Each structure stands twice: as C-alpha cells, then as structure tokens.
Amino acid sequence: MKDKEKLWEKAKKDFPCDPALQEVHYARLKIHEQAKEMTDREYVEFIKIKAKKVIGGNTEKIKVSP
C-alpha cells in the first residue's frame, strides 16, 4: 500500500463520519510525514513555501524567533 493510501486510511478511520475533517487530517498527516526529519527552521521555511503556493503573496514578513 502506498504512503498516500495509508494516510487516507488513517484519516478516514480517525474521522469516519466527517469528510471535511478527513481532508484536514490527511493534510496534517501528509505535512507531518514530509517534515518529520526537518529542523524547526527548515519546517518554518517549508510551511512558508506551501503557504505561498496556496495564498500567494509575500511570506517574507513571517519571522522566526531564535
């Protein structure tokens, strides 16, 4: 079974009666899998890139505390 299918299976199991929450949970699980080896700073940059794809615009104003 592919990773994507496993993530969907888990999302559907965790929220069997709510397709909207399945979508949100799947997205969270996918991001978790993609980012689990990243440092905190790498993770913030990863999220900024993803946000820019979704909302567009300038994400440079988002600052990370040391």
PDB file of N, CA and C in Angstrom:
ATOM      1  N   MET A   1       0.846  -1.189   0.000  1.00  0.00           N
ATOM      2  CA  MET A   1       0.000   0.000   0.000  1.00  0.00           C
ATOM      3  C   MET A   1       0.887   1.245   0.000  1.00  0.00           C
ATOM      4  N   LYS A   2       0.529   2.205  -0.810  1.00  0.00           N
ATOM      5  CA  LYS A   2       1.304   3.435  -0.898  1.00  0.00           C
ATOM      6  C   LYS A   2       1.102   4.286   0.348  1.00  0.00           C
ATOM      7  N   ASP A   3       2.086   5.167   0.590  1.00  0.00           N
ATOM      8  CA  ASP A   3       2.002   6.062   1.751  1.00  0.00           C
ATOM      9  C   ASP A   3       0.737   6.906   1.706  1.00  0.00           C
ATOM     10  N   LYS A   4       0.402   7.424   0.522  1.00  0.00           N
ATOM     11  CA  LYS A   4      -0.778   8.269   0.384  1.00  0.00           C
ATOM     12  C   LYS A   4      -2.034   7.507   0.802  1.00  0.00           C
ATOM     13  N   GLU A   5      -2.138   6.265   0.372  1.00  0.00           N
ATOM     14  CA  GLU A   5      -3.296   5.446   0.717  1.00  0.00           C
ATOM     15  C   GLU A   5      -3.350   5.165   2.221  1.00  0.00           C
ATOM     16  N   LYS A   6      -2.180   4.950   2.822  1.00  0.00           N
ATOM     17  CA  LYS A   6      -2.127   4.712   4.272  1.00  0.00           C
ATOM     18  C   LYS A   6      -2.597   5.940   5.044  1.00  0.00           C
ATOM     19  N   LEU A   7      -2.179   7.109   4.582  1.00  0.00           N
ATOM     20  CA  LEU A   7      -2.580   8.346   5.255  1.00  0.00           C
ATOM     21  C   LEU A   7      -4.089   8.555   5.133  1.00  0.00           C
ATOM     22  N   TRP A   8      -4.635   8.305   3.947  1.00  0.00           N
ATOM     23  CA  TRP A   8      -6.088   8.431   3.763  1.00  0.00           C
ATOM     24  C   TRP A   8      -6.832   7.434   4.628  1.00  0.00           C
ATOM     25  N   GLU A   9      -6.320   6.222   4.700  1.00  0.00           N
ATOM     26  CA  GLU A   9      -6.951   5.196   5.514  1.00  0.00           C
ATOM     27  C   GLU A   9      -7.011   5.634   6.982  1.00  0.00           C
ATOM     28  N   LYS A  10      -5.899   6.185   7.479  1.00  0.00           N
ATOM     29  CA  LYS A  10      -5.860   6.657   8.862  1.00  0.00           C
ATOM     30  C   LYS A  10      -6.832   7.817   9.073  1.00  0.00           C
ATOM     31  N   ALA A  11      -6.850   8.764   8.142  1.00  0.00           N
ATOM     32  CA  ALA A  11      -7.751   9.915   8.262  1.00  0.00           C
ATOM     33  C   ALA A  11      -9.211   9.461   8.291  1.00  0.00           C
ATOM     34  N   LYS A  12      -9.554   8.507   7.436  1.00  0.00           N
ATOM     35  CA  LYS A  12     -10.929   8.011   7.397  1.00  0.00           C
ATOM     36  C   LYS A  12     -11.280   7.221   8.652  1.00  0.00           C
ATOM     37  N   LYS A  13     -10.302   6.497   9.181  1.00  0.00           N
ATOM     38  CA  LYS A  13     -10.532   5.737  10.417  1.00  0.00           C
ATOM     39  C   LYS A  13     -10.718   6.682  11.605  1.00  0.00           C
ATOM     40  N   ASP A  14      -9.905   7.739  11.654  1.00  0.00           N
ATOM     41  CA  ASP A  14      -9.967   8.679  12.780  1.00  0.00           C
ATOM     42  C   ASP A  14     -11.224   9.544  12.746  1.00  0.00           C
ATOM     43  N   PHE A  15     -11.742   9.833  11.542  1.00  0.00           N
ATOM     44  CA  PHE A  15     -12.934  10.668  11.384  1.00  0.00           C
ATOM     45  C   PHE A  15     -13.894  10.019  10.389  1.00  0.00           C
ATOM     46  N   PRO A  16     -14.498   8.886  10.772  1.00  0.00           N
ATOM     47  CA  PRO A  16     -15.292   8.096   9.832  1.00  0.00           C
ATOM     48  C   PRO A  16     -16.549   8.789   9.296  1.00  0.00           C
ATOM     49  N   CYS A  17     -17.107   9.712  10.030  1.00  0.00           N
ATOM     50  CA  CYS A  17     -18.373  10.330   9.625  1.00  0.00           C
ATOM     51  C   CYS A  17     -18.233  11.780   9.189  1.00  0.00           C
ATOM     52  N   ASP A  18     -17.001  12.234   8.982  1.00  0.00           N
ATOM     53  CA  ASP A  18     -16.814  13.646   8.660  1.00  0.00           C
ATOM     54  C   ASP A  18     -15.786  13.826   7.547  1.00  0.00           C
ATOM     55  N   PRO A  19     -16.236  13.882   6.295  1.00  0.00           N
ATOM     56  CA  PRO A  19     -15.308  14.038   5.173  1.00  0.00           C
ATOM     57  C   PRO A  19     -14.450  15.306   5.243  1.00  0.00           C
ATOM     58  N   ALA A  20     -15.003  16.381   5.797  1.00  0.00           N
ATOM     59  CA  ALA A  20     -14.229  17.623   5.901  1.00  0.00           C
ATOM     60  C   ALA A  20     -13.042  17.442   6.850  1.00  0.00           C
ATOM     61  N   LEU A  21     -13.291  16.821   7.998  1.00  0.00           N
ATOM     62  CA  LEU A  21     -12.199  16.574   8.934  1.00  0.00           C
ATOM     63  C   LEU A  21     -11.216  15.551   8.388  1.00  0.00           C
ATOM     64  N   GLN A  22     -11.685  14.623   7.579  1.00  0.00           N
ATOM     65  CA  GLN A  22     -10.782  13.674   6.927  1.00  0.00           C
ATOM     66  C   GLN A  22      -9.790  14.424   6.047  1.00  0.00           C
ATOM     67  N   GLU A  23     -10.282  15.403   5.298  1.00  0.00           N
ATOM     68  CA  GLU A  23      -9.416  16.201   4.416  1.00  0.00           C
ATOM     69  C   GLU A  23      -8.359  16.953   5.226  1.00  0.00           C
ATOM     70  N   VAL A  24      -8.801  17.605   6.294  1.00  0.00           N
ATOM     71  CA  VAL A  24      -7.881  18.375   7.133  1.00  0.00           C
ATOM     72  C   VAL A  24      -6.865  17.451   7.797  1.00  0.00           C
ATOM     73  N   HIS A  25      -7.336  16.335   8.313  1.00  0.00           N
ATOM     74  CA  HIS A  25      -6.459  15.393   9.000  1.00  0.00           C
ATOM     75  C   HIS A  25      -5.444  14.785   8.022  1.00  0.00           C
ATOM     76  N   TYR A  26      -5.906  14.464   6.815  1.00  0.00           N
ATOM     77  CA  TYR A  26      -4.995  13.935   5.799  1.00  0.00           C
ATOM     78  C   TYR A  26      -3.884  14.953   5.501  1.00  0.00           C
ATOM     79  N   ALA A  27      -4.271  16.213   5.326  1.00  0.00           N
ATOM     80  CA  ALA A  27      -3.278  17.256   5.043  1.00  0.00           C
ATOM     81  C   ALA A  27      -2.268  17.367   6.184  1.00  0.00           C
ATOM     82  N   ARG A  28      -2.761  17.317   7.417  1.00  0.00           N
ATOM     83  CA  ARG A  28      -1.863  17.395   8.573  1.00  0.00           C
ATOM     84  C   ARG A  28      -0.915  16.199   8.612  1.00  0.00           C
ATOM     85  N   LEU A  29      -1.451  15.008   8.362  1.00  0.00           N
ATOM     86  CA  LEU A  29      -0.614  13.805   8.357  1.00  0.00           C
ATOM     87  C   LEU A  29       0.435  13.862   7.252  1.00  0.00           C
ATOM     88  N   LYS A  30       0.040  14.356   6.090  1.00  0.00           N
ATOM     89  CA  LYS A  30       0.968  14.461   4.955  1.00  0.00           C
ATOM     90  C   LYS A  30       2.112  15.433   5.274  1.00  0.00           C
ATOM     91  N   ILE A  31       1.752  16.590   5.830  1.00  0.00           N
ATOM     92  CA  ILE A  31       2.774  17.565   6.207  1.00  0.00           C
ATOM     93  C   ILE A  31       3.697  16.982   7.267  1.00  0.00           C
ATOM     94  N   HIS A  32       3.127  16.276   8.221  1.00  0.00           N
ATOM     95  CA  HIS A  32       3.936  15.648   9.274  1.00  0.00           C
ATOM     96  C   HIS A  32       4.956  14.684   8.663  1.00  0.00           C
ATOM     97  N   GLU A  33       4.510  13.856   7.727  1.00  0.00           N
ATOM     98  CA  GLU A  33       5.407  12.896   7.084  1.00  0.00           C
ATOM     99  C   GLU A  33       6.505  13.605   6.299  1.00  0.00           C
ATOM    100  N   GLN A  34       6.147  14.663   5.592  1.00  0.00           N
ATOM    101  CA  GLN A  34       7.127  15.390   4.785  1.00  0.00           C
ATOM    102  C   GLN A  34       8.143  16.122   5.653  1.00  0.00           C
ATOM    103  N   ALA A  35       7.746  16.533   6.831  1.00  0.00           N
ATOM    104  CA  ALA A  35       8.582  17.412   7.645  1.00  0.00           C
ATOM    105  C   ALA A  35       9.228  16.732   8.851  1.00  0.00           C
ATOM    106  N   LYS A  36       9.021  15.454   9.052  1.00  0.00           N
ATOM    107  CA  LYS A  36       9.469  14.841  10.304  1.00  0.00           C
ATOM    108  C   LYS A  36      10.987  14.823  10.483  1.00  0.00           C
ATOM    109  N   GLU A  37      11.750  14.938   9.438  1.00  0.00           N
ATOM    110  CA  GLU A  37      13.213  14.963   9.545  1.00  0.00           C
ATOM    111  C   GLU A  37      13.784  16.384   9.563  1.00  0.00           C
ATOM    112  N   MET A  38      12.919  17.388   9.497  1.00  0.00           N
ATOM    113  CA  MET A  38      13.374  18.782   9.389  1.00  0.00           C
ATOM    114  C   MET A  38      13.647  19.397  10.757  1.00  0.00           C
ATOM    115  N   THR A  39      14.552  20.373  10.747  1.00  0.00           N
ATOM    116  CA  THR A  39      14.755  21.198  11.938  1.00  0.00           C
ATOM    117  C   THR A  39      13.574  22.164  12.031  1.00  0.00           C
ATOM    118  N   ASP A  40      13.474  22.873  13.149  1.00  0.00           N
ATOM    119  CA  ASP A  40      12.394  23.849  13.306  1.00  0.00           C
ATOM    120  C   ASP A  40      12.451  24.919  12.221  1.00  0.00           C
ATOM    121  N   ARG A  41      13.638  25.412  11.946  1.00  0.00           N
ATOM    122  CA  ARG A  41      13.780  26.458  10.923  1.00  0.00           C
ATOM    123  C   ARG A  41      13.424  25.936   9.534  1.00  0.00           C
ATOM    124  N   GLU A  42      13.869  24.733   9.231  1.00  0.00           N
ATOM    125  CA  GLU A  42      13.530  24.127   7.938  1.00  0.00           C
ATOM    126  C   GLU A  42      12.014  23.947   7.820  1.00  0.00           C
ATOM    127  N   TYR A  43      11.390  23.573   8.913  1.00  0.00           N
ATOM    128  CA  TYR A  43       9.942  23.376   8.914  1.00  0.00           C
ATOM    129  C   TYR A  43       9.215  24.691   8.642  1.00  0.00           C
ATOM    130  N   VAL A  44       9.657  25.765   9.278  1.00  0.00           N
ATOM    131  CA  VAL A  44       9.025  27.070   9.058  1.00  0.00           C
ATOM    132  C   VAL A  44       9.182  27.480   7.598  1.00  0.00           C
ATOM    133  N   GLU A  45      10.357  27.297   7.023  1.00  0.00           N
ATOM    134  CA  GLU A  45      10.573  27.634   5.614  1.00  0.00           C
ATOM    135  C   GLU A  45       9.690  26.765   4.715  1.00  0.00           C
ATOM    136  N   PHE A  46       9.557  25.502   5.040  1.00  0.00           N
ATOM    137  CA  PHE A  46       8.703  24.579   4.302  1.00  0.00           C
ATOM    138  C   PHE A  46       7.257  25.075   4.312  1.00  0.00           C
ATOM    139  N   ILE A  47       6.769  25.462   5.485  1.00  0.00           N
ATOM    140  CA  ILE A  47       5.395  25.952   5.609  1.00  0.00           C
ATOM    141  C   ILE A  47       5.227  27.263   4.843  1.00  0.00           C
ATOM    142  N   LYS A  48       6.231  28.134   4.900  1.00  0.00           N
ATOM    143  CA  LYS A  48       6.151  29.388   4.156  1.00  0.00           C
ATOM    144  C   LYS A  48       6.032  29.132   2.655  1.00  0.00           C
ATOM    145  N   ILE A  49       6.782  28.165   2.152  1.00  0.00           N
ATOM    146  CA  ILE A  49       6.716  27.820   0.726  1.00  0.00           C
ATOM    147  C   ILE A  49       5.329  27.291   0.379  1.00  0.00           C
ATOM    148  N   LYS A  50       4.803  26.406   1.226  1.00  0.00           N
ATOM    149  CA  LYS A  50       3.467  25.853   0.995  1.00  0.00           C
ATOM    150  C   LYS A  50       2.410  26.949   1.051  1.00  0.00           C
ATOM    151  N   ALA A  51       2.527  27.858   2.021  1.00  0.00           N
ATOM    152  CA  ALA A  51       1.559  28.944   2.160  1.00  0.00           C
ATOM    153  C   ALA A  51       1.598  29.851   0.940  1.00  0.00           C
ATOM    154  N   LYS A  52       2.783  30.125   0.447  1.00  0.00           N
ATOM    155  CA  LYS A  52       2.918  30.992  -0.718  1.00  0.00           C
ATOM    156  C   LYS A  52       2.222  30.371  -1.925  1.00  0.00           C
ATOM    157  N   LYS A  53       2.306  29.052  -2.065  1.00  0.00           N
ATOM    158  CA  LYS A  53       1.629  28.368  -3.171  1.00  0.00           C
ATOM    159  C   LYS A  53       0.114  28.481  -3.048  1.00  0.00           C
ATOM    160  N   VAL A  54      -0.378  28.450  -1.810  1.00  0.00           N
ATOM    161  CA  VAL A  54      -1.822  28.464  -1.581  1.00  0.00           C
ATOM    162  C   VAL A  54      -2.385  29.876  -1.639  1.00  0.00           C
ATOM    163  N   ILE A  55      -1.759  30.808  -0.906  1.00  0.00           N
ATOM    164  CA  ILE A  55      -2.319  32.158  -0.806  1.00  0.00           C
ATOM    165  C   ILE A  55      -1.597  33.179  -1.652  1.00  0.00           C
ATOM    166  N   GLY A  56      -0.428  32.806  -2.155  1.00  0.00           N
ATOM    167  CA  GLY A  56       0.348  33.760  -2.941  1.00  0.00           C
ATOM    168  C   GLY A  56       0.897  34.868  -2.072  1.00  0.00           C
ATOM    169  N   GLY A  57       1.490  35.827  -2.712  1.00  0.00           N
ATOM    170  CA  GLY A  57       1.980  36.980  -1.973  1.00  0.00           C
ATOM    171  C   GLY A  57       3.306  36.744  -1.283  1.00  0.00           C
ATOM    172  N   ASN A  58       3.635  37.699  -0.445  1.00  0.00           N
ATOM    173  CA  ASN A  58       4.929  37.729   0.222  1.00  0.00           C
ATOM    174  C   ASN A  58       4.835  37.097   1.604  1.00  0.00           C
ATOM    175  N   THR A  59       5.587  36.037   1.814  1.00  0.00           N
ATOM    176  CA  THR A  59       5.632  35.399   3.136  1.00  0.00           C
ATOM    177  C   THR A  59       6.906  35.781   3.882  1.00  0.00           C
ATOM    178  N   GLU A  60       7.662  36.699   3.339  1.00  0.00           N
ATOM    179  CA  GLU A  60       8.924  37.102   3.971  1.00  0.00           C
ATOM    180  C   GLU A  60       8.696  37.830   5.288  1.00  0.00           C
ATOM    181  N   LYS A  61       7.513  38.351   5.510  1.00  0.00           N
ATOM    182  CA  LYS A  61       7.227  39.071   6.756  1.00  0.00           C
ATOM    183  C   LYS A  61       7.110  38.126   7.948  1.00  0.00           C
ATOM    184  N   ILE A  62       6.978  36.855   7.683  1.00  0.00           N
ATOM    185  CA  ILE A  62       6.884  35.876   8.766  1.00  0.00           C
ATOM    186  C   ILE A  62       8.276  35.650   9.327  1.00  0.00           C
ATOM    187  N   LYS A  63       8.460  35.978  10.579  1.00  0.00           N
ATOM    188  CA  LYS A  63       9.760  35.868  11.229  1.00  0.00           C
ATOM    189  C   LYS A  63       9.769  34.702  12.217  1.00  0.00           C
ATOM    190  N   VAL A  64      10.932  34.126  12.391  1.00  0.00           N
ATOM    191  CA  VAL A  64      11.098  33.014  13.318  1.00  0.00           C
ATOM    192  C   VAL A  64      11.950  33.490  14.482  1.00  0.00           C
ATOM    193  N   SER A  65      11.477  33.264  15.692  1.00  0.00           N
ATOM    194  CA  SER A  65      12.276  33.620  16.858  1.00  0.00           C
ATOM    195  C   SER A  65      13.412  32.639  17.002  1.00  0.00           C
ATOM    196  N   PRO A  66      14.584  33.124  17.458  1.00  0.00           N
ATOM    197  CA  PRO A  66      15.724  32.224  17.625  1.00  0.00           C
ATOM    198  C   PRO A  66      15.507  31.224  18.730  1.00  0.00           C
TER     199      PRO A  66
END
